[in-house]
Protein backbone atom coordinates (compact mmCIF):
# COMPACT_ATOMS: atom_id res chain seq x y z
CA MET A 1 57.24 138.86 107.76
CA SER A 2 53.77 139.42 109.19
CA LYS A 3 52.90 138.36 112.52
CA LYS A 4 50.03 136.30 110.32
CA SER A 5 52.69 134.82 108.34
CA ALA A 6 55.34 133.80 111.22
CA SER A 7 52.38 132.13 112.93
CA LYS A 8 51.57 130.43 110.27
CA LYS A 9 55.01 128.88 109.67
CA THR A 10 54.83 127.67 112.89
CA SER A 11 51.34 125.96 112.94
CA THR A 12 52.86 124.54 109.58
CA ARG A 13 55.94 122.96 111.33
CA LYS A 14 53.77 121.87 114.34
CA LYS A 15 51.27 119.87 111.76
CA ILE A 16 54.32 118.37 109.77
CA TRP A 17 56.17 116.76 113.00
CA ARG A 18 52.85 116.26 114.72
CA GLY A 19 52.09 114.23 111.98
CA PHE A 20 55.60 112.33 111.63
CA LYS A 21 55.56 111.96 115.19
CA TYR A 22 51.92 109.79 115.21
CA LEU A 23 51.73 108.65 111.58
CA LEU A 24 53.79 105.17 112.33
CA LEU A 25 51.94 105.22 115.74
CA ALA A 26 48.70 105.32 114.00
CA GLY A 27 49.85 103.04 111.56
CA VAL A 28 50.72 100.19 114.27
CA LEU A 29 47.35 100.78 116.15
CA GLY A 30 45.17 100.59 113.14
CA ALA A 31 47.41 97.57 111.94
CA ALA A 32 44.78 95.30 114.25
CA ALA A 33 42.17 96.16 112.21
CA PHE A 34 43.98 95.25 109.19
CA VAL A 35 44.82 91.85 110.45
CA VAL A 36 40.97 90.92 111.01
CA TYR A 37 40.48 92.77 107.43
CA VAL A 38 43.24 90.38 105.27
CA LEU A 39 42.39 87.07 107.63
CA LEU A 40 38.77 87.25 106.41
CA GLN A 41 38.69 88.68 102.77
CA ASP A 42 40.93 88.35 99.61
CA THR A 43 42.45 91.92 99.77
CA PRO A 44 43.12 93.75 96.12
CA ASP A 45 46.49 94.99 95.61
CA ARG A 46 45.76 98.68 94.78
CA ASP A 47 48.28 101.34 93.44
CA ILE A 48 48.57 103.42 96.34
CA TYR A 49 48.48 106.85 93.76
CA ASP A 50 44.92 105.59 93.32
CA PHE A 51 43.79 107.36 96.55
CA VAL A 52 45.97 110.23 96.40
CA PRO A 53 43.36 113.25 96.24
CA GLU A 54 43.44 114.95 92.89
CA LYS A 55 44.21 118.61 94.65
CA SER A 56 47.25 117.34 96.51
CA VAL A 57 50.11 120.61 96.58
CA PHE A 58 52.54 118.29 97.29
CA VAL A 59 53.30 115.11 97.77
CA VAL A 60 56.54 113.20 99.52
CA GLU A 61 57.01 109.75 98.89
CA ALA A 62 59.37 107.36 100.78
CA ASP A 63 59.76 103.47 99.65
CA ASP A 64 61.31 102.65 103.19
CA PRO A 65 60.06 105.54 105.95
CA ILE A 66 62.07 104.39 108.71
CA GLU A 67 65.30 103.44 106.84
CA ASN A 68 64.81 106.93 105.00
CA TRP A 69 64.49 108.92 108.47
CA LYS A 70 67.64 107.32 110.14
CA SER A 71 69.50 108.31 107.19
CA LEU A 72 68.07 111.82 107.13
CA SER A 73 68.94 112.15 111.28
CA LYS A 74 72.62 111.16 110.92
CA THR A 75 73.54 113.91 108.52
CA PRO A 76 75.51 117.06 109.65
CA MET A 77 73.26 119.24 107.78
CA TRP A 78 69.63 117.96 109.63
CA LYS A 79 71.72 117.89 113.42
CA HIS A 80 73.29 121.86 112.60
CA LEU A 81 69.50 122.94 111.22
CA LYS A 82 67.77 121.16 114.08
CA LYS A 83 69.33 123.78 116.16
CA ASN A 84 67.95 126.31 114.83
CA GLU A 85 65.34 128.49 116.87
CA LEU A 86 62.59 127.96 114.34
CA PHE A 87 63.02 124.22 114.65
CA ALA A 88 62.67 124.38 118.88
CA ASP A 89 58.92 123.49 118.53
CA ILE A 90 59.79 119.92 116.42
CA GLU A 91 62.81 118.77 117.97
CA GLY A 92 61.26 117.19 120.66
CA ASP A 93 59.13 115.19 118.21
CA ALA A 94 62.00 114.25 115.96
CA ASN A 95 64.02 113.09 119.68
CA PHE A 96 60.64 110.91 120.34
CA LEU A 97 61.05 109.62 116.90
CA ASP A 98 64.26 108.18 116.84
CA THR A 99 63.65 106.97 120.64
CA LEU A 100 60.69 105.06 119.48
CA ILE A 101 62.29 103.49 116.85
CA ASN A 102 65.36 102.37 118.58
CA ASP A 103 63.44 100.97 121.06
CA ASN A 104 60.92 99.12 119.02
CA GLU A 105 62.90 97.46 116.23
CA ARG A 106 61.10 94.51 116.27
CA LEU A 107 57.73 96.66 116.13
CA PHE A 108 58.92 99.08 113.34
CA ASP A 109 59.91 95.73 111.07
CA LEU A 110 55.81 95.87 110.44
CA MET A 111 57.15 99.08 108.43
CA ALA A 112 59.94 97.93 106.69
CA GLY A 113 59.90 98.69 102.95
CA LYS A 114 56.36 99.74 103.03
CA LYS A 115 55.73 102.78 100.94
CA VAL A 116 54.40 105.88 102.43
CA LEU A 117 53.03 109.37 101.17
CA ILE A 118 52.26 112.26 102.76
CA CYS A 119 50.01 114.38 100.84
CA ALA A 120 49.18 118.36 101.60
CA GLN A 121 46.15 119.66 100.47
CA MET A 122 44.23 122.80 100.87
CA THR A 123 41.29 122.80 103.71
CA LYS A 124 40.32 126.15 103.27
CA ALA A 125 41.47 129.48 101.49
CA ASP A 126 44.28 130.34 103.75
CA ASP A 127 45.35 126.80 105.59
CA TYR A 128 46.28 123.22 104.38
CA ASP A 129 46.80 120.00 106.39
CA PHE A 130 47.78 116.62 105.38
CA THR A 131 46.69 112.76 104.65
CA TYR A 132 49.20 109.72 105.27
CA LEU A 133 48.76 106.88 103.07
CA VAL A 134 50.85 103.79 103.76
CA ASP A 135 50.73 100.48 101.35
CA LEU A 136 50.66 97.69 103.81
CA GLU A 137 50.55 94.92 101.10
CA LYS A 138 48.53 92.20 101.63
CA GLY A 139 49.16 89.77 104.40
CA SER A 140 52.64 90.98 105.34
CA LYS A 141 54.41 89.99 108.76
CA VAL A 142 50.64 89.31 109.95
CA THR A 143 51.39 86.65 112.38
CA PHE A 144 54.28 88.61 113.86
CA PHE A 145 51.94 91.50 114.44
CA ILE A 146 49.59 89.67 116.28
CA ASP A 147 52.18 88.47 118.75
CA ILE A 148 52.88 91.90 119.76
CA PHE A 149 49.79 93.77 119.05
CA LYS A 150 47.88 93.40 122.68
CA PRO A 151 51.23 94.61 124.94
CA ILE A 152 51.70 97.49 122.47
CA MET A 153 47.69 98.48 122.79
CA SER A 154 47.90 98.54 126.53
CA GLY A 155 51.41 100.29 126.51
CA VAL A 156 50.07 103.03 124.68
CA GLY A 157 46.61 103.06 126.28
CA TYR A 158 44.77 105.30 123.57
CA PRO A 159 41.10 104.63 122.97
CA MET A 160 40.07 103.65 119.55
CA LYS A 161 36.68 103.66 118.15
CA GLU A 162 34.97 102.45 115.03
CA SER A 163 32.63 104.58 112.87
CA GLU A 164 31.73 105.22 109.28
CA LEU A 165 32.81 107.79 106.77
CA GLY A 166 31.49 107.87 102.81
CA GLY A 167 30.50 104.06 103.32
CA LYS A 168 33.77 103.17 104.55
CA LYS A 169 34.33 101.66 108.07
CA THR A 170 37.08 104.29 109.66
CA TYR A 171 38.72 104.55 113.25
CA THR A 172 39.11 107.20 115.49
CA ILE A 173 42.75 107.30 117.94
CA ASN A 174 42.36 110.39 120.32
CA ASP A 175 46.18 111.31 121.46
CA GLY A 176 45.07 113.30 124.30
CA TYR A 177 44.98 116.42 121.88
CA ASP A 178 43.24 115.94 118.58
CA ASP A 179 41.71 112.76 116.77
CA ILE A 180 43.12 111.12 114.45
CA TYR A 181 40.91 109.15 111.45
CA MET A 182 42.32 106.20 109.89
CA ALA A 183 40.69 104.05 107.08
CA PHE A 184 42.03 100.62 105.70
CA LEU A 185 41.21 100.87 101.79
CA ASP A 186 42.18 97.70 100.32
CA ASN A 187 45.75 97.05 100.58
CA VAL A 188 46.27 101.05 101.62
CA LEU A 189 46.09 102.55 104.93
CA ALA A 190 44.76 106.23 105.15
CA ILE A 191 45.29 108.47 108.18
CA SER A 192 44.68 112.35 108.50
CA TYR A 193 43.81 114.80 111.34
CA SER A 194 40.95 116.01 109.29
CA GLN A 195 38.24 113.98 108.89
CA LYS A 196 37.27 116.25 105.82
CA LEU A 197 40.56 115.02 103.88
CA LEU A 198 40.19 111.32 104.88
CA LEU A 199 36.84 111.54 103.53
CA GLY A 200 38.43 113.20 100.06
CA VAL A 201 40.81 110.13 100.13
CA ILE A 202 37.50 107.51 100.15
CA GLU A 203 35.94 109.31 97.60
CA GLN A 204 39.32 109.54 95.63
CA GLU A 205 39.55 105.98 95.05
CA LYS A 206 36.61 105.76 93.24
CA LYS A 207 37.71 107.79 90.71
CA PRO A 208 41.95 107.73 91.08
CA PHE A 209 43.46 110.67 89.27
CA TYR A 210 47.10 110.36 89.67
CA SER A 211 47.93 106.58 88.77
CA LYS A 212 45.89 107.26 85.40
CA ASN A 213 47.51 110.72 85.05
CA ALA A 214 50.41 110.15 82.08
CA ASN A 215 52.14 113.47 82.23
CA PHE A 216 52.28 112.82 86.17
CA GLN A 217 53.54 109.13 85.89
CA LEU A 218 55.78 110.41 83.25
CA VAL A 219 57.89 112.86 85.75
CA ARG A 220 57.24 110.37 88.62
CA ASP A 221 59.25 107.84 86.74
CA ALA A 222 61.95 110.01 85.82
CA SER A 223 62.55 110.28 89.67
CA TYR A 224 63.26 107.02 89.79
CA ASP A 225 65.59 107.09 87.22
CA ALA A 226 67.86 109.44 89.19
CA ALA A 227 67.66 107.64 92.15
CA ASN A 228 70.63 106.29 93.92
CA ARG A 229 71.71 104.89 97.37
CA SER A 230 71.72 108.31 98.92
CA SER A 231 68.40 108.79 97.87
CA ILE A 232 66.24 109.18 100.91
CA GLY A 233 62.63 109.87 99.06
CA LYS A 234 60.86 111.81 96.53
CA VAL A 235 58.75 115.06 96.28
CA HIS A 236 56.31 115.73 93.51
CA LEU A 237 54.81 118.85 93.18
CA ASN A 238 51.47 120.07 91.50
CA PHE A 239 51.87 123.88 90.09
CA ASP A 240 47.69 124.21 89.84
CA GLN A 241 47.37 124.43 93.45
CA LEU A 242 50.57 126.32 94.01
CA ASP A 243 49.36 129.88 94.13
CA GLU A 244 46.77 128.60 96.58
CA TYR A 245 48.98 127.03 98.75
CA MET A 246 51.47 130.38 98.76
CA SER A 247 48.90 132.36 99.88
CA VAL A 248 49.12 130.62 103.16
CA PHE A 249 52.33 132.64 103.77
CA MET A 250 51.89 135.58 101.61
CA ASP A 251 49.56 138.35 101.87
CA GLU A 252 49.60 138.47 97.90
CA VAL A 253 51.00 136.08 95.62
CA SER A 254 53.06 137.87 93.25
CA GLY A 255 53.03 137.47 89.87
CA SER A 256 56.06 135.47 89.48
CA ILE A 257 54.43 132.49 91.15
CA LEU A 258 51.28 133.09 89.18
CA ASP A 259 53.18 132.41 86.11
CA ILE A 260 54.94 129.32 87.33
CA SER A 261 51.55 128.09 88.55
CA LYS A 262 50.33 128.97 84.83
CA SER A 263 52.92 127.57 82.47
CA MET A 264 54.29 124.35 84.79
CA ARG A 265 51.91 120.66 85.19
CA TYR A 266 54.10 118.52 87.32
CA ALA A 267 57.07 118.16 88.94
CA SER A 268 59.09 114.97 90.75
CA PHE A 269 62.37 114.88 92.27
CA ASP A 270 64.47 112.32 93.70
CA LEU A 271 65.73 113.75 97.06
CA LYS A 272 69.30 112.62 97.84
CA VAL A 273 70.90 113.99 101.40
CA GLU A 274 74.89 113.56 101.69
CA ASP A 275 77.42 114.86 104.44
CA GLU A 276 78.09 117.68 102.51
CA TYR A 277 75.11 118.37 99.83
CA THR A 278 71.25 117.83 99.17
CA GLU A 279 70.15 117.12 95.36
CA MET A 280 66.61 117.19 94.37
CA GLU A 281 66.70 115.74 90.48
CA GLY A 282 63.88 115.00 88.10
CA LEU A 283 61.78 116.34 85.95
CA VAL A 284 59.36 119.61 85.49
CA SER A 285 56.61 119.11 83.23
CA VAL A 286 55.28 122.28 81.02
CA ASP A 287 51.84 123.08 79.93
CA SER A 288 52.29 123.73 76.69
CA ALA A 289 48.82 125.40 76.12
CA ASN A 290 49.29 128.34 78.22
CA PRO A 291 52.77 130.16 76.56
CA THR A 292 54.95 131.68 78.51
CA LEU A 293 58.84 131.91 78.96
CA ALA A 294 59.05 128.01 80.09
CA THR A 295 57.38 127.43 76.79
CA VAL A 296 59.33 129.02 74.68
CA LEU A 297 62.42 127.57 76.41
CA LEU A 298 61.50 124.12 75.97
CA GLN A 299 61.39 124.40 72.12
CA GLN A 300 64.74 126.00 72.05
CA ASP A 301 68.07 123.85 71.62
CA ARG A 302 70.09 124.41 74.81
CA GLY A 303 73.35 126.90 74.73
CA GLU A 304 76.09 127.05 76.12
CA ILE A 305 76.66 129.14 79.84
CA SER A 306 79.16 131.77 78.93
CA ALA A 307 78.74 134.65 81.21
CA PRO A 308 81.11 133.23 83.60
CA ARG A 309 83.75 133.45 81.58
CA ILE A 310 84.02 137.40 81.83
CA LEU A 311 82.51 137.79 85.46
CA PRO A 312 84.34 138.71 88.97
CA THR A 313 85.05 135.76 90.90
CA ASN A 314 82.89 137.69 93.78
CA THR A 315 79.76 137.34 91.96
CA SER A 316 76.96 136.61 93.97
CA PHE A 317 74.03 135.97 91.55
CA LEU A 318 73.85 134.81 87.86
CA LEU A 319 70.84 133.63 86.09
CA THR A 320 71.46 132.77 82.58
CA ILE A 321 68.76 132.30 79.92
CA ASP A 322 70.28 130.38 76.93
CA PHE A 323 69.10 129.25 73.52
CA ASP A 324 70.37 128.10 70.14
CA ASP A 325 69.11 130.97 68.14
CA PHE A 326 68.10 134.52 69.31
CA ASN A 327 65.69 135.18 66.41
CA ASP A 328 64.02 131.76 67.01
CA PHE A 329 63.90 132.85 70.57
CA TYR A 330 63.07 136.27 70.44
CA GLY A 331 60.09 135.63 67.48
CA SER A 332 58.49 132.73 69.78
CA ILE A 333 58.67 135.68 73.08
CA GLY A 334 56.83 137.93 71.07
CA GLU A 335 54.17 135.26 70.25
CA SER A 336 53.85 134.01 73.55
CA MET A 337 53.42 137.40 74.94
CA LYS A 338 50.11 138.32 72.92
CA GLU A 339 47.73 136.78 75.42
CA ASP A 340 49.67 139.18 77.90
CA ALA A 341 48.47 142.10 79.71
CA ASP A 342 51.75 143.78 78.87
CA TYR A 343 51.79 143.01 74.97
CA LYS A 344 50.57 146.14 73.91
CA ASP A 345 53.23 148.49 76.04
CA PHE A 346 55.90 145.74 74.67
CA GLU A 347 54.43 146.12 70.62
CA LYS A 348 54.37 150.18 71.60
CA THR A 349 58.09 149.75 72.96
CA LYS A 350 59.45 147.99 69.82
CA ASN A 351 57.89 150.15 67.20
CA THR A 352 58.88 153.34 68.87
CA ILE A 353 62.49 152.04 68.92
CA GLY A 354 62.07 150.48 65.66
CA LYS A 355 61.14 153.96 64.17
CA LEU A 356 63.88 155.87 65.92
CA LEU A 357 66.45 153.14 64.65
CA GLY A 358 64.76 153.04 61.11
CA VAL A 359 64.76 149.44 61.82
CA ASN A 360 62.23 147.76 58.71
CA ALA A 361 60.48 144.60 60.62
CA ASN A 362 61.23 142.41 56.91
CA ASP A 363 64.95 143.24 56.69
CA ARG A 364 65.64 141.45 60.16
CA LYS A 365 64.93 138.26 58.34
CA LYS A 366 67.55 138.78 56.14
CA ASP A 367 70.64 136.38 56.37
CA ARG A 368 73.14 137.45 58.60
CA ALA A 369 76.04 137.17 56.19
CA GLU A 370 74.75 139.22 53.42
CA ARG A 371 74.13 142.43 56.07
CA LYS A 372 76.64 142.13 58.74
CA GLY A 373 78.09 145.70 59.57
CA LYS A 374 75.74 147.51 56.94
CA ASP A 375 71.99 146.46 58.19
CA LYS A 376 69.52 148.49 59.62
CA ASP A 377 68.93 145.48 61.79
CA TYR A 378 70.66 146.30 64.99
CA PHE A 379 69.88 143.21 66.74
CA ASP A 380 71.55 140.58 65.02
CA TRP A 381 74.56 140.68 67.18
CA LEU A 382 72.78 138.86 69.58
CA GLY A 383 73.73 135.37 70.20
CA GLN A 384 73.05 132.57 72.55
CA GLU A 385 72.64 133.80 75.89
CA ILE A 386 71.12 136.48 77.92
CA ALA A 387 72.36 136.79 81.86
CA LEU A 388 71.26 138.87 84.56
CA ALA A 389 74.21 139.07 87.12
CA MET A 390 75.14 140.61 90.71
CA VAL A 391 78.31 141.59 91.84
CA PRO A 392 79.22 143.22 95.61
CA LYS A 393 79.39 147.25 95.36
CA ASN A 394 81.30 147.74 98.70
CA GLU A 395 83.45 145.82 100.71
CA SER A 396 80.71 144.82 103.25
CA GLY A 397 78.60 143.32 100.21
CA SER A 398 75.44 145.19 101.69
CA GLU A 399 75.28 146.73 98.38
CA GLN A 400 75.35 145.27 95.05
CA SER A 401 75.56 146.14 91.35
CA TYR A 402 73.56 144.13 88.53
CA LEU A 403 74.84 143.37 85.43
CA ALA A 404 73.55 142.43 82.26
CA ILE A 405 74.95 140.55 79.84
CA PHE A 406 74.34 139.13 76.44
CA HIS A 407 76.16 136.82 74.57
CA THR A 408 77.49 138.06 70.95
CA PRO A 409 78.93 135.82 68.19
CA ASP A 410 80.40 138.86 66.24
CA TYR A 411 82.51 141.38 68.11
CA ALA A 412 82.64 143.66 65.17
CA ASN A 413 79.10 143.41 64.38
CA ALA A 414 78.03 143.98 67.73
CA VAL A 415 80.41 147.39 68.00
CA HIS A 416 78.82 148.72 64.47
CA ASP A 417 75.10 148.17 65.88
CA LEU A 418 75.46 149.12 69.50
CA SER A 419 77.15 152.43 68.33
CA GLN A 420 74.77 153.08 65.74
CA ILE A 421 71.69 152.73 68.18
CA SER A 422 73.40 154.81 70.85
CA LYS A 423 73.83 157.92 68.08
CA LYS A 424 70.73 157.65 66.91
CA ILE A 425 69.25 157.72 70.31
CA ARG A 426 71.33 160.76 71.77
CA ARG A 427 69.97 162.67 68.93
CA ARG A 428 67.03 163.17 70.49
CA THR A 429 68.27 162.83 74.02
CA PRO A 430 69.95 165.85 76.15
CA VAL A 431 73.47 164.35 76.48
CA LYS A 432 74.04 163.68 80.66
CA PHE A 433 77.07 161.22 80.12
CA LYS A 434 80.20 161.12 77.76
CA ASP A 435 81.46 158.09 76.57
CA TYR A 436 84.97 157.24 77.79
CA GLU A 437 87.83 154.62 77.61
CA TYR A 438 88.95 152.30 80.34
CA ARG A 439 91.94 149.97 79.87
CA GLY A 440 91.61 150.43 76.35
CA LYS A 441 87.77 149.44 76.26
CA ASP A 442 85.06 151.93 75.05
CA ILE A 443 82.17 152.49 77.45
CA GLN A 444 79.67 154.04 76.03
CA TRP A 445 75.66 155.26 77.34
CA LEU A 446 72.49 153.48 76.22
CA ALA A 447 70.14 156.70 76.96
CA MET A 448 66.98 155.31 75.97
CA LYS A 449 64.35 154.54 78.97
CA GLY A 450 62.21 151.28 78.12
CA PHE A 451 64.56 149.83 75.55
CA PHE A 452 65.56 146.59 77.84
CA LYS A 453 61.50 145.88 77.79
CA LEU A 454 62.58 144.28 74.38
CA PHE A 455 64.52 141.77 76.17
CA LEU A 456 62.18 139.63 79.00
CA GLY A 457 61.78 143.57 80.45
CA LYS A 458 60.57 142.02 83.54
CA LEU A 459 63.59 140.80 84.30
CA PHE A 460 65.53 143.86 83.34
CA LYS A 461 63.57 146.26 85.58
CA GLN A 462 66.87 147.17 87.57
CA PHE A 463 68.20 149.05 84.06
CA ASP A 464 67.34 152.53 83.52
CA LYS A 465 69.77 153.80 80.71
CA PRO A 466 72.46 151.78 81.44
CA LYS A 467 76.18 152.15 80.73
CA PHE A 468 77.95 149.20 78.26
CA VAL A 469 81.02 148.07 77.08
CA VAL A 470 81.31 145.02 74.22
CA LEU A 471 84.11 142.34 75.73
CA GLU A 472 84.87 139.81 73.17
CA GLU A 473 81.85 137.42 72.60
CA HIS A 474 80.08 139.60 75.09
CA VAL A 475 78.14 142.44 75.94
CA VAL A 476 78.07 143.77 79.57
CA PHE A 477 75.52 146.54 80.31
CA SER A 478 75.05 148.22 84.13
CA ASN A 479 73.85 151.33 85.78
CA ASP A 480 77.09 151.25 87.67
CA THR A 481 80.10 152.14 86.00
CA SER A 482 82.56 150.54 88.62
CA ALA A 483 81.03 147.52 88.12
CA ILE A 484 81.76 147.02 84.47
CA HIS A 485 85.19 148.26 85.43
CA ARG A 486 85.78 145.28 87.71
CA VAL A 487 83.94 142.96 84.51
CA ILE A 488 87.11 144.69 82.51
CA ASP A 489 89.72 144.25 84.95
CA ALA A 490 88.62 140.27 85.58
CA SER A 491 88.23 139.60 82.02
CA MET A 492 91.91 140.97 80.85
CA ALA A 493 93.40 139.12 84.24
CA GLU A 494 91.51 136.00 83.64
CA GLU A 495 90.41 135.67 86.90
CA THR A 496 86.90 135.27 86.66
CA LEU A 497 83.98 133.45 87.90
CA TYR A 498 84.48 130.35 85.53
CA GLY A 499 87.95 129.62 86.89
CA GLU A 500 86.67 130.21 90.66
CA THR A 501 87.63 126.88 92.86
CA GLY A 502 84.52 126.97 94.47
CA TYR A 503 82.36 127.68 91.25
CA ARG A 504 84.15 125.16 89.46
CA ARG A 505 83.65 122.52 92.36
CA LEU A 506 79.53 123.27 91.94
CA THR A 507 79.15 123.19 88.41
CA ARG A 508 80.62 119.73 88.01
CA GLU A 509 77.30 119.04 89.04
CA PHE A 510 75.72 120.46 86.01
CA SER A 511 75.92 120.05 82.40
CA ASP A 512 78.09 123.35 80.55
CA GLU A 513 74.68 123.63 78.57
CA SER A 514 71.35 124.42 79.15
CA ASN A 515 67.80 126.65 79.25
CA TYR A 516 68.04 127.90 82.25
CA PHE A 517 70.85 127.91 84.93
CA ILE A 518 70.81 129.76 88.49
CA TYR A 519 73.94 130.11 90.38
CA MET A 520 74.03 131.58 94.01
CA ASN A 521 76.72 132.30 96.68
CA SER A 522 75.16 132.50 99.72
CA GLU A 523 77.89 134.40 101.74
CA ARG A 524 78.23 136.81 98.80
CA LEU A 525 74.69 137.68 98.53
CA TYR A 526 73.64 137.29 102.60
CA PRO A 527 74.85 140.55 103.43
CA HIS A 528 72.54 141.83 100.40
CA LEU A 529 69.54 140.06 101.58
CA PRO A 530 68.18 141.89 104.09
CA SER A 531 67.77 145.17 102.24
CA LEU A 532 65.07 143.49 99.99
CA LEU A 533 63.05 142.67 102.89
CA ASP A 534 60.89 144.22 105.55
CA ALA A 535 61.98 145.21 108.96
CA GLU A 536 60.50 142.17 110.71
CA SER A 537 61.53 139.62 108.33
CA ALA A 538 65.40 141.59 107.84
CA GLY A 539 65.68 141.05 111.70
CA ASP A 540 64.48 137.30 111.38
CA LEU A 541 67.39 136.81 108.46
CA ARG A 542 70.10 138.03 110.31
CA LYS A 543 69.37 136.22 113.50
CA ASN A 544 69.65 133.37 111.50
CA ARG A 545 72.56 133.88 109.24
CA GLU A 546 74.70 130.51 110.19
CA TYR A 547 71.60 128.37 108.56
CA VAL A 548 71.75 130.49 105.05
CA VAL A 549 75.37 130.54 104.65
CA CYS A 550 75.60 126.91 106.00
CA PHE A 551 74.81 126.21 102.33
CA PRO A 552 77.42 128.25 100.70
CA GLN A 553 76.52 127.94 97.18
CA VAL A 554 73.51 126.91 95.66
CA GLY A 555 72.59 125.92 91.85
CA LEU A 556 69.25 125.20 89.70
CA GLN A 557 69.68 123.94 86.19
CA LEU A 558 66.79 123.44 83.49
CA THR A 559 67.20 121.62 80.30
CA SER A 560 64.72 120.81 77.75
CA ASP A 561 64.02 117.55 76.23
CA ASP A 562 61.59 115.42 74.21
CA ASP A 563 58.79 115.11 76.61
CA ASP A 564 57.63 118.56 76.89
CA ALA A 565 59.32 118.72 80.25
CA PHE A 566 62.59 120.40 81.56
CA GLU A 567 65.19 117.85 82.94
CA THR A 568 66.00 119.82 86.31
CA LYS A 569 68.55 119.56 89.27
CA ILE A 570 68.74 121.80 92.31
CA TYR A 571 72.08 121.12 94.19
CA LEU A 572 72.84 122.65 97.68
CA GLU A 573 76.27 122.54 98.97
CA TYR A 574 76.16 122.21 102.72
CA GLU A 575 79.12 123.41 104.99
CA ASP A 576 79.62 122.45 108.64
CA PRO A 577 79.74 126.13 110.38
CA LYS A 578 83.02 125.99 112.57
């Protein structure tokens, strides 16, 4: 992590907590003007989302911010995380909030049940700030507020001046360090530390975006469907702004982030926090006009997650891509890549391998039952899942082995086809590896560089001329034969990840079928993570180990539904460090 990135993260935390600290205070001070406004004229009941800026990166939505904060601040997770030095500059503000709320219960009754939105928006190429929107609801508790307004103003002692912005009356409060800008827009109070952002809200109300956007409303409604008593708020993402936002923290936005921002539209999650877990559940909508892996998976029926049935219990990471029919999935991947810069390379690799193996494109479309074990379509053994996994290579876990697992519905056909592929490749490649047998299982060598480009090539960049073994319903590839041995041992002893207590506990929260699933065991994966980072970031990670492994298991699942969206769930177990 560069010093630039570190300073930006510190600035970000200060911005967030500066806003939390003064949001309620500014709302109370500004309510005086609201009282006059309500008494003098009829106030329209506008949808608060009429005022959300179109270019918001994300929006945090709280239906009862005081109670939501009380719930979060009492959890063991929050009490542990705020001890981290990364939170040192906000702990004082968090404690200030607790004291302010506890000492002024009557005051904050004014905010009870009022919807609050925190909107993040870019202010320039490498910076952003927040706008806070509060739905005050016409005339709510006005008489109560009049009784307490004067002593609050005198006790706080902040000057407030009136001005005009975008044709609207606005108020400015100076807290001794910054100016807080406020405007009462019908029933909505808008607050920001950026006059530019407040002007954006004023302009947005003339042409509402999110309240009229059917795609956004679809996912937002789903986040409410997922809510229960553990909910503390909603989180909404606008993927169109994701790459700009990530440039604040990264010197160069990676291709994977660009792919996500191009293929997704909006996401809305219900956020739940309990003593032993944190969960986000909702929908992620997909932009079908931009073909990607996401759009392909969205059109696929879900498949069963099967790789854990053969992986060792100490698996640290697993990603599965599941579908109903490989031929349909693979054909769709080819179509989706036509606009991709790597498509020519993909076609070249496919044609080279096809020519080498004597595969006829038309022959691949024949019915499997007619050609099983006899054909020249050497890929009809592929079934309903492609997976990538990591397992510790040494006792410390600092080194990890990569495994690729392909589901196969037909063991005999897989053995036949892969043997033929291996033999044909070897005729043109100097033999550097001799096939051998381990516990009755044949381990062979696939000595052709680029072979894995046919199967989501970027995903399998870790594999260069791997070894493989066919195990019942799975074909396992790895550059590390010892990792293959461990898979064989685990499978034969029936001591696999699928039966491991922690994994079973986590996956009770997920469906057995999906289109995309990620599992991570933080404690097993953590020792390897520093090797993936630069020296400064690795040092920071080592110092903060307890704040990573306190989330021992993490899961993410995407499952296609009928609305061009993925049902999505993110689940983090929390374990209080002893």
